[in-house]
Amino acid sequence: MIDWGLAVSIGARLAGEGPVVSRTEADEAVAELRAGANRSTGLVREFTGLDAPDGTAPILVVDRRGWVQANAEGFQIATRPMVDKLIESKPPGALAARIGSKITGAEVGGLLGFLAGKVLGQFDPFHEPHGRLLLVAPNIVHVERELGVDPHDFRLWVCLHEETHRVQFTAVPWMREHLFSEIAAIGNSVEPGNLLDTGRLAEAVKAARNGGSIVDMFSTPEQREVLDRVTGMMSLLEGHADVVMDDVGPTVIPSVDKIRAKFTQRRKGVGTLDRILRRLLGLEAKMAQYRDGAQFVRAVVDKVGMEEFNAVWAGPENLPSKAELSDPEGWVRRVLS
């Protein structure tokens, strides 16, 4: 149902190459990012107490096309349950399948092309056997120039955040499979008629323009329950990584305060079109995950300490719910009492 080759081609073309750099500058950036990620492993371990086995998930420094390719592969895995259910419900004819796959491939490519120019780094949990860490070198160089910050400090700061995600997934062995099970639950709860209803699509786009996201418009009550659980988990992961980068940062990054202030402002979106696309794609909710998750982590750690907080990694049942993100004391009572 999706022409993934076309999606990658369109996504890479829309993403562009990024900032102009010399071969020497590019080589230096790649080498510094690899070294920064490796250095961050020990810093994250010392601060959080999470110990990731060596040699599990590789660290890759990629360009925008490489990020698009990696995420197309991940999307293909993530959407497989949903696609299988749609095909089972209404198998397309040969011509319809060819045409439909081109249309959806172009749509996915447009999404990937937009995001490929924004993402600085990402842990890719879909890569076998344990995932992989992607650092998008041209975007990191672009942002450090745009913000006017020290490039060496900024690169290590980004590495601290992204390496925290790699440690989370590799030091907590059940996390990856739990995420997969939640994605499968969303796919299994899909109502094919809703996704194939063009009238519902039009309503979804209209509602999204008024402050929602397209993703929200297609969620059934069962899906919303799963999405709330995933929101709790992802907010924890993002907030935890933000706490690490901000608390460890001052010990190794002299200009971390300046970087944080400028980067927080940038997260709000740099233009009208950018803000509209962020809203339609649900990226505003992504920004809230950083804020809510970080507030939750700080509140719990301030109350009970990092060692007690680490009970959150003991099993899926200890993850905070969406409601507990704003009620950290409630989480403490439920999990630690």
Protein backbone atom coordinates (compact mmCIF):
# COMPACT_ATOMS: atom_id res chain seq x y z
CA MET A 1 0.00 0.00 0.00
CA ILE A 2 3.01 2.32 0.29
CA ASP A 3 5.76 2.70 -2.30
CA TRP A 4 8.65 3.02 0.12
CA GLY A 5 11.22 3.59 -2.60
CA LEU A 6 9.23 6.55 -3.85
CA ALA A 7 8.82 7.81 -0.28
CA VAL A 8 12.60 7.81 0.23
CA SER A 9 13.23 9.48 -3.13
CA ILE A 10 10.72 12.27 -2.50
CA GLY A 11 11.72 12.68 1.13
CA ALA A 12 15.40 13.01 0.31
CA ARG A 13 14.70 15.50 -2.47
CA LEU A 14 12.47 17.68 -0.29
CA ALA A 15 14.92 17.55 2.62
CA GLY A 16 17.80 18.94 0.57
CA GLU A 17 21.45 18.65 1.41
CA GLY A 18 21.65 21.08 4.32
CA PRO A 19 24.26 23.77 4.94
CA VAL A 20 27.29 24.20 2.74
CA VAL A 21 30.40 22.82 4.44
CA SER A 22 33.86 21.93 3.23
CA ARG A 23 35.05 18.32 3.23
CA THR A 24 37.32 19.12 6.17
CA GLU A 25 34.45 20.68 8.15
CA ALA A 26 32.21 17.71 7.40
CA ASP A 27 34.84 15.19 8.47
CA GLU A 28 35.51 17.11 11.67
CA ALA A 29 31.79 17.30 12.52
CA VAL A 30 31.30 13.56 11.94
CA ALA A 31 34.33 12.65 14.04
CA GLU A 32 33.33 15.01 16.85
CA LEU A 33 29.75 13.67 16.97
CA ARG A 34 30.94 10.07 17.15
CA ALA A 35 33.38 10.96 19.91
CA GLY A 36 30.71 12.99 21.74
CA ALA A 37 28.25 10.09 21.68
CA ASN A 38 30.86 7.68 23.00
CA ARG A 39 31.92 10.12 25.71
CA SER A 40 28.28 10.65 26.69
CA THR A 41 27.77 6.98 27.52
CA GLY A 42 29.85 7.21 30.68
CA LEU A 43 28.38 10.59 31.63
CA VAL A 44 24.84 9.24 31.32
CA ARG A 45 25.73 6.10 33.30
CA GLU A 46 27.31 8.08 36.12
CA PHE A 47 24.37 10.48 36.43
CA THR A 48 21.45 8.08 35.97
CA GLY A 49 22.79 4.77 37.23
CA LEU A 50 21.64 3.08 34.01
CA ASP A 51 24.28 0.72 32.66
CA ALA A 52 23.95 -0.12 28.96
CA PRO A 53 25.91 -3.18 27.74
CA ASP A 54 28.76 -2.32 25.40
CA GLY A 55 28.40 -2.98 21.68
CA THR A 56 24.60 -3.25 21.61
CA ALA A 57 23.13 -0.42 19.50
CA PRO A 58 25.52 1.19 16.99
CA ILE A 59 26.02 4.95 16.66
CA LEU A 60 25.63 6.28 13.10
CA VAL A 61 26.28 9.82 11.90
CA VAL A 62 24.08 10.34 8.84
CA ASP A 63 23.04 12.96 6.31
CA ARG A 64 19.40 13.86 5.66
CA ARG A 65 18.91 11.16 3.05
CA GLY A 66 20.32 8.59 5.46
CA TRP A 67 17.81 9.71 8.10
CA VAL A 68 14.96 9.47 5.57
CA GLN A 69 16.04 5.95 4.57
CA ALA A 70 16.32 4.79 8.18
CA ASN A 71 12.90 6.16 9.10
CA ALA A 72 11.24 4.73 6.00
CA GLU A 73 12.50 1.33 7.15
CA GLY A 74 11.17 1.99 10.65
CA PHE A 75 7.79 3.23 9.38
CA GLN A 76 7.49 0.12 7.24
CA ILE A 77 7.83 -2.07 10.33
CA ALA A 78 5.61 0.12 12.50
CA THR A 79 2.75 0.32 9.99
CA ARG A 80 2.80 -3.35 8.97
CA PRO A 81 -0.01 -4.44 11.36
CA MET A 82 -2.23 -1.61 10.17
CA VAL A 83 -1.49 -2.19 6.48
CA ASP A 84 -2.11 -5.94 6.81
CA LYS A 85 -5.47 -5.27 8.45
CA LEU A 86 -6.51 -2.81 5.74
CA ILE A 87 -5.56 -5.21 2.96
CA GLU A 88 -7.40 -8.05 4.67
CA SER A 89 -10.49 -5.86 5.02
CA LYS A 90 -10.51 -4.53 1.48
CA PRO A 91 -7.91 -6.08 -0.85
CA PRO A 92 -7.14 -3.57 -3.62
CA GLY A 93 -7.11 -4.52 -7.29
CA ALA A 94 -3.79 -4.55 -9.13
CA LEU A 95 -4.25 -1.11 -10.71
CA ALA A 96 -5.64 0.44 -7.54
CA ALA A 97 -2.75 -1.02 -5.55
CA ARG A 98 -0.18 0.49 -7.92
CA ILE A 99 -1.83 3.90 -7.95
CA GLY A 100 -2.57 3.89 -4.22
CA SER A 101 0.96 2.93 -3.29
CA LYS A 102 2.33 5.86 -5.32
CA ILE A 103 -0.05 8.31 -3.63
CA THR A 104 0.69 7.10 -0.11
CA GLY A 105 4.39 6.87 -0.94
CA ALA A 106 4.35 10.51 -1.99
CA GLU A 107 2.51 11.51 1.20
CA VAL A 108 4.94 9.65 3.44
CA GLY A 109 7.83 11.10 1.46
CA GLY A 110 6.51 14.61 2.05
CA LEU A 111 6.30 13.97 5.78
CA LEU A 112 9.81 12.52 5.92
CA GLY A 113 11.16 15.37 3.82
CA PHE A 114 9.77 17.95 6.25
CA LEU A 115 11.05 16.17 9.34
CA ALA A 116 14.47 15.36 7.83
CA GLY A 117 15.42 19.02 7.99
CA LYS A 118 14.39 19.32 11.65
CA VAL A 119 15.69 16.27 13.49
CA LEU A 120 19.08 16.52 15.18
CA GLY A 121 19.26 12.96 16.43
CA GLN A 122 17.10 9.96 17.11
CA PHE A 123 17.22 6.52 18.61
CA ASP A 124 15.81 4.10 16.03
CA PRO A 125 14.33 1.16 17.99
CA PHE A 126 13.24 -0.73 14.86
CA HIS A 127 16.74 -1.62 13.68
CA GLU A 128 17.62 -5.20 14.58
CA PRO A 129 18.71 -6.54 16.93
CA HIS A 130 18.82 -3.74 19.54
CA GLY A 131 18.22 -0.48 17.68
CA ARG A 132 20.67 2.23 16.60
CA LEU A 133 21.45 5.86 17.35
CA LEU A 134 21.25 8.32 14.45
CA LEU A 135 22.92 11.74 14.61
CA VAL A 136 22.01 14.01 11.66
CA ALA A 137 25.21 15.96 11.04
CA PRO A 138 23.95 18.61 8.56
CA ASN A 139 21.05 19.57 10.83
CA ILE A 140 23.29 19.87 13.88
CA VAL A 141 25.68 22.11 11.93
CA HIS A 142 22.76 24.16 10.60
CA VAL A 143 21.26 24.76 14.07
CA GLU A 144 24.56 25.60 15.76
CA ARG A 145 25.16 28.21 13.07
CA GLU A 146 21.60 29.53 13.27
CA LEU A 147 21.77 29.91 17.06
CA GLY A 148 25.29 31.33 17.02
CA VAL A 149 26.52 28.96 19.74
CA ASP A 150 29.84 27.25 20.29
CA PRO A 151 29.77 24.25 17.90
CA HIS A 152 31.85 21.98 20.14
CA ASP A 153 29.60 22.62 23.14
CA PHE A 154 26.42 22.25 21.09
CA ARG A 155 27.48 18.93 19.56
CA LEU A 156 28.23 17.41 22.94
CA TRP A 157 24.94 18.79 24.31
CA VAL A 158 22.99 17.09 21.52
CA CYS A 159 24.95 13.87 22.04
CA LEU A 160 24.07 13.84 25.75
CA HIS A 161 20.36 13.93 24.97
CA GLU A 162 20.41 11.37 22.19
CA GLU A 163 22.83 9.01 23.93
CA THR A 164 20.47 9.01 26.91
CA HIS A 165 17.83 7.48 24.63
CA ARG A 166 20.26 4.83 23.47
CA VAL A 167 21.07 4.00 27.09
CA GLN A 168 17.37 3.92 28.02
CA PHE A 169 16.56 1.30 25.39
CA THR A 170 19.68 -0.82 25.82
CA ALA A 171 19.92 -0.71 29.62
CA VAL A 172 16.19 -1.45 30.01
CA PRO A 173 15.77 -4.63 27.94
CA TRP A 174 11.95 -4.75 28.01
CA MET A 175 11.48 -1.18 26.72
CA ARG A 176 11.89 -1.96 23.02
CA GLU A 177 9.48 -4.90 22.94
CA HIS A 178 6.98 -2.94 25.03
CA LEU A 179 7.00 -0.12 22.48
CA PHE A 180 6.47 -2.65 19.68
CA SER A 181 3.53 -4.20 21.51
CA GLU A 182 1.88 -0.81 21.95
CA ILE A 183 2.33 -0.01 18.26
CA ALA A 184 0.81 -3.38 17.38
CA ALA A 185 -2.12 -2.62 19.70
CA ILE A 186 -2.82 0.60 17.82
CA GLY A 187 -2.66 -1.23 14.48
CA ASN A 188 -4.95 -4.00 15.66
CA SER A 189 -7.54 -1.47 16.85
CA VAL A 190 -7.73 0.31 13.49
CA GLU A 191 -11.18 0.56 11.96
CA PRO A 192 -10.48 0.22 8.22
CA GLY A 193 -13.65 2.08 7.29
CA ASN A 194 -12.49 5.17 9.15
CA LEU A 195 -9.16 5.33 7.35
CA LEU A 196 -10.74 4.76 3.94
CA ASP A 197 -13.53 7.32 4.46
CA THR A 198 -12.59 10.44 2.46
CA GLY A 199 -15.26 12.48 4.25
CA ARG A 200 -13.69 11.65 7.60
CA LEU A 201 -10.31 12.65 6.20
CA ALA A 202 -11.67 16.06 5.22
CA GLU A 203 -13.14 16.51 8.70
CA ALA A 204 -9.81 15.52 10.26
CA VAL A 205 -7.85 18.07 8.26
CA LYS A 206 -10.38 20.80 9.09
CA ALA A 207 -10.23 19.96 12.80
CA ALA A 208 -6.45 19.86 12.73
CA ARG A 209 -6.37 23.39 11.36
CA ASN A 210 -8.26 24.47 14.47
CA GLY A 211 -5.67 23.16 16.89
CA GLY A 212 -5.78 19.36 16.82
CA SER A 213 -3.62 16.95 14.87
CA ILE A 214 -4.49 14.56 12.10
CA VAL A 215 -3.37 11.66 14.28
CA ASP A 216 -5.83 12.60 17.00
CA MET A 217 -8.76 12.68 14.61
CA PHE A 218 -8.38 9.02 13.69
CA SER A 219 -8.10 7.61 17.20
CA THR A 220 -10.92 5.41 18.46
CA PRO A 221 -11.53 5.19 22.23
CA GLU A 222 -9.41 2.02 22.28
CA GLN A 223 -6.63 3.72 20.35
CA ARG A 224 -6.75 6.78 22.59
CA GLU A 225 -6.20 4.53 25.60
CA VAL A 226 -3.09 3.09 23.95
CA LEU A 227 -1.96 6.53 22.81
CA ASP A 228 -2.25 7.80 26.38
CA ARG A 229 0.04 4.99 27.54
CA VAL A 230 2.50 5.71 24.76
CA THR A 231 2.37 9.43 25.60
CA GLY A 232 3.27 8.64 29.21
CA MET A 233 6.18 6.46 28.12
CA MET A 234 7.56 8.84 25.47
CA SER A 235 7.19 11.85 27.76
CA LEU A 236 9.21 9.99 30.39
CA LEU A 237 11.95 9.14 27.88
CA GLU A 238 12.15 12.65 26.42
CA GLY A 239 11.93 14.41 29.77
CA HIS A 240 14.53 12.10 31.30
CA ALA A 241 16.92 12.88 28.43
CA ASP A 242 16.33 16.63 28.83
CA VAL A 243 17.09 16.40 32.56
CA VAL A 244 20.32 14.53 31.81
CA MET A 245 21.50 17.03 29.21
CA ASP A 246 20.73 20.01 31.46
CA ASP A 247 22.10 18.59 34.72
CA VAL A 248 25.19 16.92 33.30
CA GLY A 249 25.77 19.73 30.82
CA PRO A 250 27.17 22.35 33.22
CA THR A 251 29.93 19.97 34.31
CA VAL A 252 31.29 19.48 30.78
CA ILE A 253 29.74 22.20 28.58
CA PRO A 254 30.73 25.77 29.53
CA SER A 255 28.04 27.51 27.44
CA VAL A 256 25.13 25.18 28.26
CA ASP A 257 22.90 27.94 29.70
CA LYS A 258 23.18 30.00 26.52
CA ILE A 259 22.51 26.93 24.38
CA ARG A 260 19.43 25.92 26.37
CA ALA A 261 17.90 29.41 26.28
CA LYS A 262 18.32 29.77 22.52
CA PHE A 263 17.27 26.21 21.73
CA THR A 264 14.09 26.43 23.83
CA GLN A 265 13.03 29.48 21.85
CA ARG A 266 13.74 27.68 18.58
CA ARG A 267 11.55 24.72 19.57
CA LYS A 268 8.51 26.96 19.26
CA GLY A 269 8.85 27.00 15.48
CA VAL A 270 10.66 29.48 13.29
CA GLY A 271 7.84 30.66 11.00
CA THR A 272 4.11 30.57 10.31
CA LEU A 273 4.27 27.64 7.89
CA ASP A 274 6.52 25.72 10.25
CA ARG A 275 4.10 26.25 13.14
CA ILE A 276 1.12 25.13 11.03
CA LEU A 277 2.88 21.96 9.93
CA ARG A 278 3.95 21.20 13.48
CA ARG A 279 0.34 21.49 14.61
CA LEU A 280 -1.05 19.34 11.79
CA LEU A 281 1.53 16.62 12.38
CA GLY A 282 1.08 16.63 16.15
CA LEU A 283 4.57 17.99 16.79
CA GLU A 284 3.24 20.53 19.27
CA ALA A 285 2.36 17.55 21.46
CA LYS A 286 5.94 16.36 21.01
CA MET A 287 7.20 19.63 22.45
CA ALA A 288 4.88 19.20 25.43
CA GLN A 289 6.42 15.78 26.04
CA TYR A 290 9.81 17.36 26.71
CA ARG A 291 8.31 19.84 29.17
CA ASP A 292 5.90 17.53 31.00
CA GLY A 293 8.34 14.64 31.13
CA ALA A 294 11.17 16.79 32.48
CA GLN A 295 8.92 18.27 35.17
CA PHE A 296 7.85 14.78 36.22
CA VAL A 297 11.42 13.45 36.40
CA ARG A 298 12.69 16.46 38.34
CA ALA A 299 9.81 16.32 40.81
CA VAL A 300 10.31 12.63 41.57
CA VAL A 301 14.11 12.83 41.77
CA ASP A 302 13.89 15.87 44.06
CA LYS A 303 11.54 13.96 46.36
CA VAL A 304 13.10 10.47 46.47
CA GLY A 305 16.48 10.65 44.68
CA MET A 306 17.69 9.10 41.46
CA GLU A 307 18.12 5.58 42.85
CA GLU A 308 14.49 5.39 43.96
CA PHE A 309 13.31 7.09 40.76
CA ASN A 310 14.95 4.28 38.76
CA ALA A 311 12.11 2.00 39.87
CA VAL A 312 10.40 3.46 36.79
CA TRP A 313 12.57 1.14 34.66
CA ALA A 314 11.63 -2.05 36.52
CA GLY A 315 8.74 -2.95 34.22
CA PRO A 316 5.96 -1.51 32.04
CA GLU A 317 3.62 -1.36 35.02
CA ASN A 318 5.91 1.25 36.64
CA LEU A 319 5.78 3.68 33.73
CA PRO A 320 3.88 6.88 34.52
CA SER A 321 0.45 7.26 33.00
CA LYS A 322 -0.42 10.39 31.08
CA ALA A 323 -2.30 11.64 34.16
CA GLU A 324 0.63 10.91 36.48
CA LEU A 325 2.92 13.17 34.45
CA SER A 326 1.19 16.09 36.17
CA ASP A 327 0.85 14.19 39.45
CA PRO A 328 4.34 12.88 40.28
CA GLU A 329 3.39 12.36 43.93
CA GLY A 330 0.62 10.07 42.73
CA TRP A 331 3.21 8.01 40.86
CA VAL A 332 5.41 7.89 43.96
CA ARG A 333 2.49 6.64 46.07
CA ARG A 334 1.53 4.00 43.50
CA VAL A 335 5.00 2.66 42.71
CA LEU A 336 7.18 3.35 45.75
CA SER A 337 4.78 3.07 48.68
